[in-house]
Amino acid sequence: MIAQTAMYRVRVASTPLAALFVASIIGCGSAQVQGQVSTSVTEDDRKYETPEPTTPSAALAAPVSSAAPPAAPVEQTHSLGVAHDLSLTAGMPRTATCQCVMVVVGAPNDPKFVWQGGPPKVAADTRAVAIASDGVACAVSGLAPLRASISGIEAHGSDVVLTVENVREGRPVMRGALVARPAPGSSLVVVGKKGAPYGLPLQGGAGGCRIAMK
């Protein structure tokens, strides 16, 4: 009877330890199973995932150009008066209009004229005037070399007065001018400066050399 009681106590005392041992084994096994299941599910899910395309950062950024935009072309504009970049074409025969000088009046885009920067943008009633003394026959002595240059141009009543002088070597020669066309029937009157013969008519006589403006 005493032996049975002792065995019962041992069994009772050892029962909780056995329960804990069994519970720990069951828990570990359950954790391993859950881990395997969880891992298996995650890997299976990844099979159906579509990887997002990677876009290079350089493609996202818009290219930056360091070059400055081209400048807009500048149009040639002129005011009325003496034009330093206007002259007669070199191949045009030189014929005296007034004494010792050739004078031509016409539209600025007339092929008889040469512009260094091309014909200017001017009003429709603007007229170009160009002179030349090189190659023009001149019977007046004391004008060697012939260097006729426009010194001024101005309106005088219904006419336009063009003043021409003979300049020395080394001084700039002005061979062109822009004028507003006066009323119909008006004239370009050429006058000489400082005794220059350029303002005299071809036929001689008094008065200025008059050229009809069309």
N, C-alpha and C. Protein backbone atom coordinates (compact mmCIF):
# COMPACT_ATOMS: atom_id res chain seq x y z
N MET A 1 0.83 -1.20 0.00
CA MET A 1 0.00 0.00 0.00
C MET A 1 0.86 1.24 0.00
N ILE A 2 1.89 1.20 0.75
CA ILE A 2 2.83 2.34 0.79
C ILE A 2 3.53 2.49 -0.51
N ALA A 3 3.91 1.37 -1.16
CA ALA A 3 4.62 1.42 -2.45
C ALA A 3 3.73 1.97 -3.51
N GLN A 4 2.46 1.60 -3.55
CA GLN A 4 1.55 2.12 -4.55
C GLN A 4 1.35 3.61 -4.40
N THR A 5 1.31 4.05 -3.14
CA THR A 5 1.14 5.49 -2.89
C THR A 5 2.33 6.25 -3.41
N ALA A 6 3.51 5.73 -3.21
CA ALA A 6 4.72 6.41 -3.69
C ALA A 6 4.75 6.48 -5.17
N MET A 7 4.38 5.40 -5.86
CA MET A 7 4.37 5.40 -7.31
C MET A 7 3.36 6.39 -7.82
N TYR A 8 2.23 6.49 -7.24
CA TYR A 8 1.20 7.44 -7.66
C TYR A 8 1.68 8.86 -7.55
N ARG A 9 2.43 9.14 -6.40
CA ARG A 9 2.97 10.49 -6.23
C ARG A 9 3.99 10.82 -7.32
N VAL A 10 4.82 9.79 -7.66
CA VAL A 10 5.82 10.04 -8.70
C VAL A 10 5.15 10.32 -10.02
N ARG A 11 4.13 9.55 -10.31
CA ARG A 11 3.42 9.76 -11.56
C ARG A 11 2.72 11.12 -11.58
N VAL A 12 2.13 11.46 -10.45
CA VAL A 12 1.45 12.76 -10.40
C VAL A 12 2.44 13.89 -10.52
N ALA A 13 3.59 13.75 -9.84
CA ALA A 13 4.59 14.82 -9.89
C ALA A 13 5.22 14.94 -11.27
N SER A 14 5.33 13.80 -11.97
CA SER A 14 5.98 13.85 -13.28
C SER A 14 5.02 14.20 -14.39
N THR A 15 3.76 14.17 -14.12
CA THR A 15 2.77 14.44 -15.17
C THR A 15 2.87 15.86 -15.72
N PRO A 16 2.96 16.89 -14.92
CA PRO A 16 3.08 18.26 -15.48
C PRO A 16 4.32 18.43 -16.34
N LEU A 17 5.45 17.84 -15.97
CA LEU A 17 6.66 17.96 -16.77
C LEU A 17 6.48 17.29 -18.12
N ALA A 18 5.86 16.19 -18.09
CA ALA A 18 5.61 15.51 -19.36
C ALA A 18 4.70 16.32 -20.24
N ALA A 19 3.70 16.94 -19.61
CA ALA A 19 2.77 17.77 -20.40
C ALA A 19 3.48 18.95 -21.03
N LEU A 20 4.36 19.56 -20.25
CA LEU A 20 5.10 20.69 -20.79
C LEU A 20 6.00 20.24 -21.92
N PHE A 21 6.66 19.10 -21.78
CA PHE A 21 7.55 18.59 -22.81
C PHE A 21 6.79 18.30 -24.08
N VAL A 22 5.67 17.66 -23.93
CA VAL A 22 4.86 17.35 -25.10
C VAL A 22 4.35 18.62 -25.77
N ALA A 23 3.94 19.61 -24.95
CA ALA A 23 3.44 20.87 -25.50
C ALA A 23 4.52 21.60 -26.28
N SER A 24 5.77 21.54 -25.73
CA SER A 24 6.85 22.24 -26.43
C SER A 24 7.15 21.58 -27.75
N ILE A 25 7.12 20.24 -27.79
CA ILE A 25 7.36 19.53 -29.05
C ILE A 25 6.28 19.86 -30.05
N ILE A 26 5.03 19.86 -29.57
CA ILE A 26 3.93 20.19 -30.48
C ILE A 26 4.06 21.62 -31.00
N GLY A 27 4.45 22.57 -30.10
CA GLY A 27 4.59 23.98 -30.50
C GLY A 27 5.68 24.16 -31.54
N CYS A 28 6.80 23.50 -31.34
CA CYS A 28 7.90 23.62 -32.31
C CYS A 28 7.50 23.06 -33.64
N GLY A 29 6.85 21.94 -33.58
CA GLY A 29 6.42 21.34 -34.84
C GLY A 29 5.43 22.21 -35.56
N SER A 30 4.52 22.80 -34.78
CA SER A 30 3.52 23.68 -35.39
C SER A 30 4.17 24.91 -35.99
N ALA A 31 5.18 25.46 -35.29
CA ALA A 31 5.87 26.64 -35.82
C ALA A 31 6.60 26.33 -37.10
N GLN A 32 7.24 25.11 -37.12
CA GLN A 32 7.95 24.75 -38.35
C GLN A 32 6.99 24.57 -39.50
N VAL A 33 5.86 23.98 -39.23
CA VAL A 33 4.88 23.77 -40.27
C VAL A 33 4.33 25.10 -40.77
N GLN A 34 4.02 26.00 -39.78
CA GLN A 34 3.52 27.31 -40.18
C GLN A 34 4.55 28.08 -40.98
N GLY A 35 5.84 27.98 -40.57
CA GLY A 35 6.89 28.67 -41.29
C GLY A 35 7.03 28.16 -42.69
N GLN A 36 6.95 26.81 -42.82
CA GLN A 36 7.04 26.24 -44.15
C GLN A 36 5.86 26.63 -45.00
N VAL A 37 4.69 26.64 -44.43
CA VAL A 37 3.50 27.02 -45.17
C VAL A 37 3.57 28.48 -45.60
N SER A 38 4.00 29.32 -44.60
CA SER A 38 4.08 30.74 -44.90
C SER A 38 5.09 31.01 -46.00
N THR A 39 6.26 30.33 -45.90
CA THR A 39 7.29 30.52 -46.91
C THR A 39 6.82 30.02 -48.26
N SER A 40 6.16 28.89 -48.24
CA SER A 40 5.67 28.32 -49.49
C SER A 40 4.63 29.23 -50.13
N VAL A 41 3.77 29.81 -49.34
CA VAL A 41 2.75 30.70 -49.89
C VAL A 41 3.38 31.95 -50.47
N THR A 42 4.39 32.49 -49.76
CA THR A 42 5.04 33.70 -50.26
C THR A 42 5.74 33.45 -51.58
N GLU A 43 6.45 32.31 -51.69
CA GLU A 43 7.12 31.99 -52.94
C GLU A 43 6.13 31.75 -54.05
N ASP A 44 5.01 31.10 -53.72
CA ASP A 44 3.99 30.87 -54.75
C ASP A 44 3.39 32.18 -55.22
N ASP A 45 3.18 33.11 -54.26
CA ASP A 45 2.61 34.41 -54.64
C ASP A 45 3.56 35.17 -55.56
N ARG A 46 4.84 35.03 -55.31
CA ARG A 46 5.80 35.78 -56.12
C ARG A 46 5.84 35.30 -57.56
N LYS A 47 5.40 34.08 -57.78
CA LYS A 47 5.37 33.57 -59.15
C LYS A 47 4.45 34.38 -60.03
N TYR A 48 3.40 34.93 -59.42
CA TYR A 48 2.39 35.66 -60.19
C TYR A 48 2.59 37.17 -60.14
N GLU A 49 3.64 37.62 -59.48
CA GLU A 49 3.92 39.05 -59.44
C GLU A 49 4.61 39.48 -60.73
N THR A 50 4.21 40.64 -61.24
CA THR A 50 4.83 41.20 -62.45
C THR A 50 5.83 42.26 -62.03
N PRO A 51 7.10 42.05 -62.32
CA PRO A 51 8.10 43.05 -61.90
C PRO A 51 7.88 44.38 -62.59
N GLU A 52 7.96 45.47 -61.83
CA GLU A 52 7.79 46.81 -62.38
C GLU A 52 9.02 47.19 -63.20
N PRO A 53 8.79 47.77 -64.38
CA PRO A 53 9.95 48.16 -65.22
C PRO A 53 10.74 49.27 -64.56
N THR A 54 12.02 49.13 -64.63
CA THR A 54 12.91 50.15 -64.05
C THR A 54 13.22 51.17 -65.12
N THR A 55 12.99 52.41 -64.80
CA THR A 55 13.25 53.51 -65.74
C THR A 55 14.51 54.24 -65.33
N PRO A 56 15.46 54.33 -66.21
CA PRO A 56 16.70 55.06 -65.84
C PRO A 56 16.37 56.50 -65.46
N SER A 57 17.08 56.97 -64.47
CA SER A 57 16.83 58.34 -64.01
C SER A 57 17.17 59.35 -65.09
N ALA A 58 18.11 59.00 -65.98
CA ALA A 58 18.48 59.94 -67.04
C ALA A 58 17.35 60.12 -68.03
N ALA A 59 16.52 59.01 -68.23
CA ALA A 59 15.42 59.12 -69.18
C ALA A 59 14.30 59.97 -68.64
N LEU A 60 14.16 59.98 -67.29
CA LEU A 60 13.09 60.78 -66.68
C LEU A 60 13.38 62.27 -66.78
N ALA A 61 14.62 62.62 -66.71
CA ALA A 61 14.97 64.04 -66.74
C ALA A 61 15.02 64.53 -68.17
N ALA A 62 14.40 65.67 -68.43
CA ALA A 62 14.41 66.25 -69.77
C ALA A 62 15.80 66.76 -70.08
N PRO A 63 16.27 66.55 -71.30
CA PRO A 63 17.62 67.04 -71.64
C PRO A 63 17.68 68.56 -71.57
N VAL A 64 18.73 69.04 -70.99
CA VAL A 64 18.93 70.48 -70.82
C VAL A 64 19.95 70.94 -71.86
N SER A 65 19.55 71.87 -72.69
CA SER A 65 20.45 72.38 -73.72
C SER A 65 21.13 73.64 -73.22
N SER A 66 22.44 73.64 -73.35
CA SER A 66 23.20 74.83 -72.93
C SER A 66 23.36 75.85 -74.03
N ALA A 67 22.95 75.46 -75.27
CA ALA A 67 23.11 76.39 -76.39
C ALA A 67 22.03 77.46 -76.34
N ALA A 68 22.42 78.68 -76.55
CA ALA A 68 21.46 79.79 -76.57
C ALA A 68 20.67 79.76 -77.86
N PRO A 69 19.39 80.17 -77.82
CA PRO A 69 18.58 80.17 -79.05
C PRO A 69 19.17 81.14 -80.08
N PRO A 70 19.05 80.79 -81.36
CA PRO A 70 19.62 81.68 -82.37
C PRO A 70 18.95 83.03 -82.37
N ALA A 71 19.76 84.00 -82.58
CA ALA A 71 19.22 85.35 -82.60
C ALA A 71 18.40 85.57 -83.84
N ALA A 72 17.40 86.37 -83.59
CA ALA A 72 16.54 86.69 -84.73
C ALA A 72 17.28 87.60 -85.70
N PRO A 73 17.02 87.38 -87.02
CA PRO A 73 17.69 88.25 -88.00
C PRO A 73 17.27 89.70 -87.85
N VAL A 74 18.24 90.59 -88.03
CA VAL A 74 18.00 92.02 -87.89
C VAL A 74 17.73 92.63 -89.25
N GLU A 75 16.62 93.30 -89.40
CA GLU A 75 16.28 93.93 -90.67
C GLU A 75 17.03 95.26 -90.81
N GLN A 76 17.44 95.54 -92.05
CA GLN A 76 18.13 96.79 -92.33
C GLN A 76 17.11 97.92 -92.42
N THR A 77 17.27 98.89 -91.57
CA THR A 77 16.39 100.06 -91.59
C THR A 77 17.24 101.31 -91.78
N HIS A 78 16.69 102.29 -92.48
CA HIS A 78 17.41 103.52 -92.76
C HIS A 78 16.50 104.72 -92.53
N SER A 79 17.12 105.80 -92.12
CA SER A 79 16.41 107.07 -92.02
C SER A 79 16.67 107.86 -93.30
N LEU A 80 15.81 108.82 -93.54
CA LEU A 80 16.01 109.67 -94.72
C LEU A 80 17.26 110.52 -94.52
N GLY A 81 17.99 110.71 -95.59
CA GLY A 81 19.23 111.48 -95.52
C GLY A 81 20.35 110.74 -96.23
N VAL A 82 21.58 111.11 -95.92
CA VAL A 82 22.75 110.50 -96.55
C VAL A 82 22.87 109.05 -96.10
N ALA A 83 23.10 108.14 -97.06
CA ALA A 83 23.25 106.71 -96.79
C ALA A 83 24.68 106.29 -97.14
N HIS A 84 25.45 105.92 -96.13
CA HIS A 84 26.87 105.60 -96.36
C HIS A 84 27.08 104.28 -97.09
N ASP A 85 26.06 103.39 -97.11
CA ASP A 85 26.24 102.06 -97.70
C ASP A 85 25.54 101.93 -99.06
N LEU A 86 25.23 103.04 -99.71
CA LEU A 86 24.56 103.02 -101.00
C LEU A 86 25.49 103.58 -102.08
N SER A 87 25.50 102.92 -103.23
CA SER A 87 26.29 103.41 -104.37
C SER A 87 25.71 102.83 -105.65
N LEU A 88 26.22 103.28 -106.77
CA LEU A 88 25.82 102.73 -108.07
C LEU A 88 26.59 101.44 -108.36
N THR A 89 25.99 100.57 -109.13
CA THR A 89 26.68 99.34 -109.49
C THR A 89 27.94 99.67 -110.29
N ALA A 90 28.98 98.86 -110.07
CA ALA A 90 30.26 99.13 -110.72
C ALA A 90 30.19 98.94 -112.22
N GLY A 91 29.33 98.04 -112.70
CA GLY A 91 29.28 97.78 -114.13
C GLY A 91 28.38 98.71 -114.91
N MET A 92 27.76 99.66 -114.24
CA MET A 92 26.86 100.59 -114.94
C MET A 92 27.69 101.64 -115.68
N PRO A 93 27.42 101.83 -116.98
CA PRO A 93 28.19 102.86 -117.72
C PRO A 93 28.05 104.23 -117.08
N ARG A 94 29.18 104.93 -117.00
CA ARG A 94 29.19 106.24 -116.37
C ARG A 94 28.93 107.33 -117.43
N THR A 95 27.77 107.95 -117.28
CA THR A 95 27.39 109.03 -118.19
C THR A 95 27.04 110.25 -117.36
N ALA A 96 27.58 111.39 -117.71
CA ALA A 96 27.35 112.60 -116.92
C ALA A 96 25.88 113.02 -116.99
N THR A 97 25.32 113.26 -115.80
CA THR A 97 23.97 113.81 -115.70
C THR A 97 24.05 115.32 -115.51
N CYS A 98 24.92 115.72 -114.63
CA CYS A 98 25.29 117.12 -114.45
C CYS A 98 26.80 117.19 -114.76
N GLN A 99 27.37 118.37 -114.74
CA GLN A 99 28.80 118.47 -115.07
C GLN A 99 29.64 117.61 -114.13
N CYS A 100 30.43 116.70 -114.75
CA CYS A 100 31.42 115.90 -114.03
C CYS A 100 30.85 114.88 -113.04
N VAL A 101 29.57 114.65 -113.05
CA VAL A 101 28.97 113.71 -112.10
C VAL A 101 27.75 113.03 -112.71
N MET A 102 27.56 111.78 -112.35
CA MET A 102 26.38 111.03 -112.75
C MET A 102 25.46 110.93 -111.55
N VAL A 103 24.17 111.20 -111.76
CA VAL A 103 23.18 111.17 -110.69
C VAL A 103 22.01 110.28 -111.14
N VAL A 104 21.64 109.33 -110.29
CA VAL A 104 20.55 108.41 -110.61
C VAL A 104 19.54 108.45 -109.47
N VAL A 105 18.25 108.55 -109.83
CA VAL A 105 17.16 108.55 -108.86
C VAL A 105 16.24 107.38 -109.19
N GLY A 106 15.81 106.62 -108.15
CA GLY A 106 14.92 105.48 -108.40
C GLY A 106 14.50 104.82 -107.11
N ALA A 107 13.76 103.73 -107.26
CA ALA A 107 13.33 102.95 -106.09
C ALA A 107 14.55 102.31 -105.41
N PRO A 108 14.54 102.18 -104.08
CA PRO A 108 15.71 101.63 -103.38
C PRO A 108 16.11 100.23 -103.83
N ASN A 109 15.14 99.45 -104.34
CA ASN A 109 15.48 98.10 -104.77
C ASN A 109 15.80 98.00 -106.25
N ASP A 110 15.98 99.12 -106.90
CA ASP A 110 16.36 99.14 -108.32
C ASP A 110 17.73 98.48 -108.48
N PRO A 111 17.90 97.58 -109.47
CA PRO A 111 19.20 96.90 -109.63
C PRO A 111 20.36 97.82 -109.97
N LYS A 112 20.08 99.06 -110.30
CA LYS A 112 21.19 100.00 -110.55
C LYS A 112 21.92 100.37 -109.27
N PHE A 113 21.26 100.11 -108.11
CA PHE A 113 21.85 100.48 -106.82
C PHE A 113 22.47 99.25 -106.15
N VAL A 114 23.51 99.52 -105.36
CA VAL A 114 24.16 98.49 -104.56
C VAL A 114 24.10 98.91 -103.09
N TRP A 115 23.56 98.00 -102.23
CA TRP A 115 23.51 98.23 -100.79
C TRP A 115 24.42 97.21 -100.12
N GLN A 116 25.22 97.65 -99.18
CA GLN A 116 26.12 96.73 -98.50
C GLN A 116 25.36 95.68 -97.70
N GLY A 117 24.23 96.05 -97.12
CA GLY A 117 23.44 95.10 -96.34
C GLY A 117 22.13 94.75 -96.98
N GLY A 118 21.98 94.98 -98.28
CA GLY A 118 20.72 94.70 -98.96
C GLY A 118 19.79 95.90 -98.91
N PRO A 119 18.80 95.95 -99.80
CA PRO A 119 17.86 97.08 -99.81
C PRO A 119 17.15 97.22 -98.46
N PRO A 120 16.99 98.44 -97.97
CA PRO A 120 16.36 98.64 -96.66
C PRO A 120 14.84 98.56 -96.72
N LYS A 121 14.23 98.41 -95.54
CA LYS A 121 12.78 98.46 -95.42
C LYS A 121 12.37 99.92 -95.24
N VAL A 122 11.77 100.50 -96.28
CA VAL A 122 11.39 101.91 -96.25
C VAL A 122 9.98 102.06 -96.78
N ALA A 123 9.43 103.25 -96.63
CA ALA A 123 8.09 103.54 -97.15
C ALA A 123 8.09 103.47 -98.67
N ALA A 124 6.89 103.22 -99.21
CA ALA A 124 6.77 103.03 -100.66
C ALA A 124 7.13 104.28 -101.45
N ASP A 125 6.96 105.47 -100.84
CA ASP A 125 7.25 106.71 -101.58
C ASP A 125 8.69 107.18 -101.41
N THR A 126 9.55 106.35 -100.81
CA THR A 126 10.95 106.72 -100.62
C THR A 126 11.75 106.48 -101.91
N ARG A 127 12.64 107.39 -102.22
CA ARG A 127 13.48 107.28 -103.39
C ARG A 127 14.95 107.28 -102.98
N ALA A 128 15.72 106.49 -103.72
CA ALA A 128 17.17 106.44 -103.51
C ALA A 128 17.85 107.34 -104.53
N VAL A 129 18.92 107.98 -104.10
CA VAL A 129 19.73 108.84 -104.97
C VAL A 129 21.17 108.37 -104.83
N ALA A 130 21.83 108.14 -105.99
CA ALA A 130 23.23 107.74 -105.95
C ALA A 130 24.00 108.53 -107.00
N ILE A 131 25.25 108.84 -106.65
CA ILE A 131 26.09 109.62 -107.56
C ILE A 131 27.39 108.86 -107.82
N ALA A 132 28.06 109.26 -108.90
CA ALA A 132 29.38 108.70 -109.22
C ALA A 132 30.14 109.70 -110.07
N SER A 133 31.43 109.86 -109.76
CA SER A 133 32.27 110.75 -110.57
C SER A 133 33.41 109.97 -111.22
N ASP A 134 33.69 108.77 -110.73
CA ASP A 134 34.76 107.98 -111.34
C ASP A 134 34.32 107.49 -112.72
N GLY A 135 35.12 107.73 -113.71
CA GLY A 135 34.82 107.33 -115.08
C GLY A 135 33.94 108.29 -115.84
N VAL A 136 33.54 109.39 -115.20
CA VAL A 136 32.68 110.37 -115.87
C VAL A 136 33.57 111.43 -116.53
N ALA A 137 33.26 111.73 -117.77
CA ALA A 137 34.05 112.75 -118.48
C ALA A 137 33.86 114.10 -117.82
N CYS A 138 34.97 114.80 -117.62
CA CYS A 138 34.92 116.11 -116.98
C CYS A 138 35.97 117.02 -117.62
N ALA A 139 35.50 118.16 -118.14
CA ALA A 139 36.41 119.11 -118.81
C ALA A 139 36.93 120.17 -117.87
N VAL A 140 36.52 120.13 -116.63
CA VAL A 140 36.95 121.13 -115.65
C VAL A 140 38.33 120.76 -115.13
N SER A 141 39.24 121.68 -115.14
CA SER A 141 40.59 121.42 -114.65
C SER A 141 40.67 121.66 -113.15
N GLY A 142 41.66 121.05 -112.55
CA GLY A 142 41.89 121.26 -111.11
C GLY A 142 41.06 120.35 -110.22
N LEU A 143 40.42 119.33 -110.80
CA LEU A 143 39.61 118.42 -109.98
C LEU A 143 40.17 116.99 -110.05
N ALA A 144 41.47 116.89 -110.04
CA ALA A 144 42.08 115.56 -110.06
C ALA A 144 42.55 115.21 -108.64
N PRO A 145 42.09 114.07 -108.07
CA PRO A 145 41.12 113.16 -108.68
C PRO A 145 39.68 113.63 -108.43
N LEU A 146 38.77 113.09 -109.25
CA LEU A 146 37.35 113.40 -109.05
C LEU A 146 36.82 112.54 -107.91
N ARG A 147 36.43 113.19 -106.83
CA ARG A 147 35.89 112.48 -105.66
C ARG A 147 34.62 113.20 -105.21
N ALA A 148 33.57 113.05 -106.02
CA ALA A 148 32.29 113.69 -105.69
C ALA A 148 31.67 112.99 -104.50
N SER A 149 31.24 113.77 -103.52
CA SER A 149 30.66 113.21 -102.29
C SER A 149 29.45 114.05 -101.88
N ILE A 150 28.39 113.38 -101.44
CA ILE A 150 27.18 114.09 -100.99
C ILE A 150 27.44 114.68 -99.60
N SER A 151 27.29 115.95 -99.48
CA SER A 151 27.49 116.60 -98.18
C SER A 151 26.17 116.93 -97.48
N GLY A 152 25.07 116.88 -98.22
CA GLY A 152 23.77 117.17 -97.60
C GLY A 152 22.63 117.00 -98.58
N ILE A 153 21.43 116.76 -98.04
CA ILE A 153 20.24 116.66 -98.86
C ILE A 153 19.06 117.14 -98.01
N GLU A 154 18.21 117.98 -98.62
CA GLU A 154 17.09 118.54 -97.87
C GLU A 154 15.97 118.95 -98.83
N ALA A 155 14.76 119.01 -98.28
CA ALA A 155 13.61 119.45 -99.07
C ALA A 155 13.60 120.98 -99.12
N HIS A 156 13.27 121.49 -100.28
CA HIS A 156 13.20 122.94 -100.47
C HIS A 156 11.96 123.23 -101.30
N GLY A 157 10.87 123.58 -100.61
CA GLY A 157 9.60 123.75 -101.30
C GLY A 157 9.12 122.42 -101.84
N SER A 158 8.82 122.38 -103.15
CA SER A 158 8.40 121.13 -103.78
C SER A 158 9.57 120.34 -104.35
N ASP A 159 10.79 120.83 -104.20
CA ASP A 159 11.98 120.17 -104.74
C ASP A 159 12.84 119.60 -103.61
N VAL A 160 13.82 118.78 -104.03
CA VAL A 160 14.81 118.24 -103.11
C VAL A 160 16.18 118.73 -103.58
N VAL A 161 16.94 119.34 -102.67
CA VAL A 161 18.25 119.90 -103.01
C VAL A 161 19.34 118.96 -102.54
N LEU A 162 20.20 118.55 -103.49
CA LEU A 162 21.32 117.65 -103.21
C LEU A 162 22.62 118.44 -103.35
N THR A 163 23.37 118.56 -102.27
CA THR A 163 24.63 119.30 -102.29
C THR A 163 25.79 118.33 -102.43
N VAL A 164 26.66 118.60 -103.42
CA VAL A 164 27.78 117.70 -103.72
C VAL A 164 29.08 118.50 -103.66
N GLU A 165 30.10 117.91 -103.04
CA GLU A 165 31.42 118.54 -102.94
C GLU A 165 32.48 117.58 -103.45
N ASN A 166 33.67 118.09 -103.67
CA ASN A 166 34.81 117.26 -104.06
C ASN A 166 35.73 117.13 -102.85
N VAL A 167 35.88 115.93 -102.35
CA VAL A 167 36.65 115.73 -101.12
C VAL A 167 38.07 115.29 -101.44
N ARG A 168 38.97 115.55 -100.50
CA ARG A 168 40.38 115.19 -100.67
C ARG A 168 40.60 113.69 -100.42
N GLU A 169 41.75 113.22 -100.82
CA GLU A 169 42.13 111.83 -100.53
C GLU A 169 42.18 111.61 -99.02
N GLY A 170 41.69 110.46 -98.59
CA GLY A 170 41.70 110.14 -97.17
C GLY A 170 40.38 110.42 -96.47
N ARG A 171 39.56 111.27 -97.08
CA ARG A 171 38.25 111.56 -96.48
C ARG A 171 37.21 110.59 -97.03
N PRO A 172 36.20 110.22 -96.22
CA PRO A 172 35.16 109.29 -96.71
C PRO A 172 34.32 109.94 -97.81
N VAL A 173 33.88 109.10 -98.73
CA VAL A 173 33.05 109.56 -99.84
C VAL A 173 31.65 109.01 -99.65
N MET A 174 30.67 109.89 -99.63
CA MET A 174 29.27 109.50 -99.51
C MET A 174 28.63 109.55 -100.89
N ARG A 175 28.18 108.42 -101.36
CA ARG A 175 27.66 108.35 -102.73
C ARG A 175 26.16 108.10 -102.81
N GLY A 176 25.46 108.04 -101.69
CA GLY A 176 24.04 107.73 -101.74
C GLY A 176 23.23 108.48 -100.70
N ALA A 177 21.91 108.53 -100.94
CA ALA A 177 21.00 109.18 -100.00
C ALA A 177 19.59 108.63 -100.22
N LEU A 178 18.75 108.78 -99.19
CA LEU A 178 17.33 108.42 -99.26
C LEU A 178 16.50 109.68 -99.07
N VAL A 179 15.48 109.84 -99.91
CA VAL A 179 14.63 111.03 -99.82
C VAL A 179 13.17 110.59 -99.96
N ALA A 180 12.28 111.39 -99.39
CA ALA A 180 10.85 111.17 -99.59
C ALA A 180 10.44 111.83 -100.90
N ARG A 181 9.74 111.07 -101.73
CA ARG A 181 9.37 111.63 -103.03
C ARG A 181 8.39 112.78 -102.85
N PRO A 182 8.72 113.95 -103.38
CA PRO A 182 7.83 115.11 -103.24
C PRO A 182 6.59 114.95 -104.14
N ALA A 183 5.87 116.03 -104.27
CA ALA A 183 4.67 116.02 -105.11
C ALA A 183 5.04 115.78 -106.57
N PRO A 184 4.10 115.29 -107.37
CA PRO A 184 4.37 115.09 -108.80
C PRO A 184 4.86 116.38 -109.46
N GLY A 185 5.83 116.22 -110.37
CA GLY A 185 6.38 117.39 -111.06
C GLY A 185 7.55 118.02 -110.34
N SER A 186 7.94 117.47 -109.20
CA SER A 186 9.07 118.04 -108.46
C SER A 186 10.38 117.57 -109.07
N SER A 187 11.48 118.20 -108.65
CA SER A 187 12.80 117.90 -109.21
C SER A 187 13.84 117.72 -108.12
N LEU A 188 14.90 117.00 -108.47
CA LEU A 188 16.09 116.92 -107.63
C LEU A 188 17.06 117.95 -108.18
N VAL A 189 17.40 118.92 -107.35
CA VAL A 189 18.28 120.01 -107.77
C VAL A 189 19.67 119.76 -107.19
N VAL A 190 20.66 119.59 -108.07
CA VAL A 190 22.03 119.33 -107.64
C VAL A 190 22.79 120.65 -107.63
N VAL A 191 23.43 120.94 -106.48
CA VAL A 191 24.24 122.16 -106.35
C VAL A 191 25.63 121.78 -105.88
N GLY A 192 26.63 122.53 -106.36
CA GLY A 192 28.01 122.28 -105.97
C GLY A 192 28.37 123.05 -104.72
N LYS A 193 29.30 122.53 -103.95
CA LYS A 193 29.75 123.17 -102.72
C LYS A 193 31.22 123.58 -102.87
N LYS A 194 31.53 124.80 -102.41
CA LYS A 194 32.90 125.32 -102.43
C LYS A 194 33.49 125.35 -103.84
N GLY A 195 32.68 125.79 -104.75
CA GLY A 195 33.17 125.96 -106.11
C GLY A 195 33.22 124.71 -106.95
N ALA A 196 32.72 123.59 -106.44
CA ALA A 196 32.73 122.36 -107.24
C ALA A 196 31.75 122.50 -108.40
N PRO A 197 32.09 121.97 -109.58
CA PRO A 197 31.25 122.16 -110.75
C PRO A 197 30.08 121.19 -110.83
N TYR A 198 29.90 120.35 -109.85
CA TYR A 198 28.92 119.27 -109.96
C TYR A 198 27.48 119.76 -110.07
N GLY A 199 27.18 120.97 -109.65
CA GLY A 199 25.82 121.48 -109.69
C GLY A 199 25.47 122.23 -110.95
N LEU A 200 26.36 122.23 -111.94
CA LEU A 200 26.09 122.98 -113.18
C LEU A 200 25.44 122.05 -114.22
N PRO A 201 24.52 122.59 -115.01
CA PRO A 201 23.90 121.78 -116.07
C PRO A 201 24.93 121.40 -117.13
N LEU A 202 24.65 120.32 -117.84
CA LEU A 202 25.57 119.87 -118.89
C LEU A 202 25.72 120.92 -119.99
N GLN A 203 24.62 121.61 -120.28
CA GLN A 203 24.66 122.62 -121.34
C GLN A 203 25.33 123.91 -120.89
N GLY A 204 25.74 123.96 -119.64
CA GLY A 204 26.33 125.18 -119.10
C GLY A 204 25.26 126.19 -118.74
N GLY A 205 25.69 127.37 -118.42
CA GLY A 205 24.75 128.40 -118.04
C GLY A 205 24.55 128.45 -116.54
N ALA A 206 23.71 129.41 -116.13
CA ALA A 206 23.46 129.61 -114.71
C ALA A 206 22.37 128.64 -114.22
N GLY A 207 22.25 128.60 -112.92
CA GLY A 207 21.22 127.75 -112.32
C GLY A 207 21.74 126.37 -111.99
N GLY A 208 20.97 125.69 -111.20
CA GLY A 208 21.38 124.34 -110.78
C GLY A 208 21.03 123.29 -111.82
N CYS A 209 21.57 122.12 -111.60
CA CYS A 209 21.28 120.98 -112.46
C CYS A 209 20.02 120.31 -111.92
N ARG A 210 18.95 120.29 -112.74
CA ARG A 210 17.68 119.75 -112.30
C ARG A 210 17.39 118.38 -112.94
N ILE A 211 16.95 117.47 -112.08
CA ILE A 211 16.63 116.09 -112.53
C ILE A 211 15.21 115.80 -112.07
N ALA A 212 14.35 115.40 -113.02
CA ALA A 212 12.96 115.13 -112.67
C ALA A 212 12.88 113.90 -111.77
N MET A 213 12.05 114.01 -110.73
CA MET A 213 11.83 112.87 -109.81
C MET A 213 10.53 112.19 -110.17
N LYS A 214 10.59 110.92 -110.48
CA LYS A 214 9.42 110.15 -110.91
C LYS A 214 8.90 109.31 -109.77
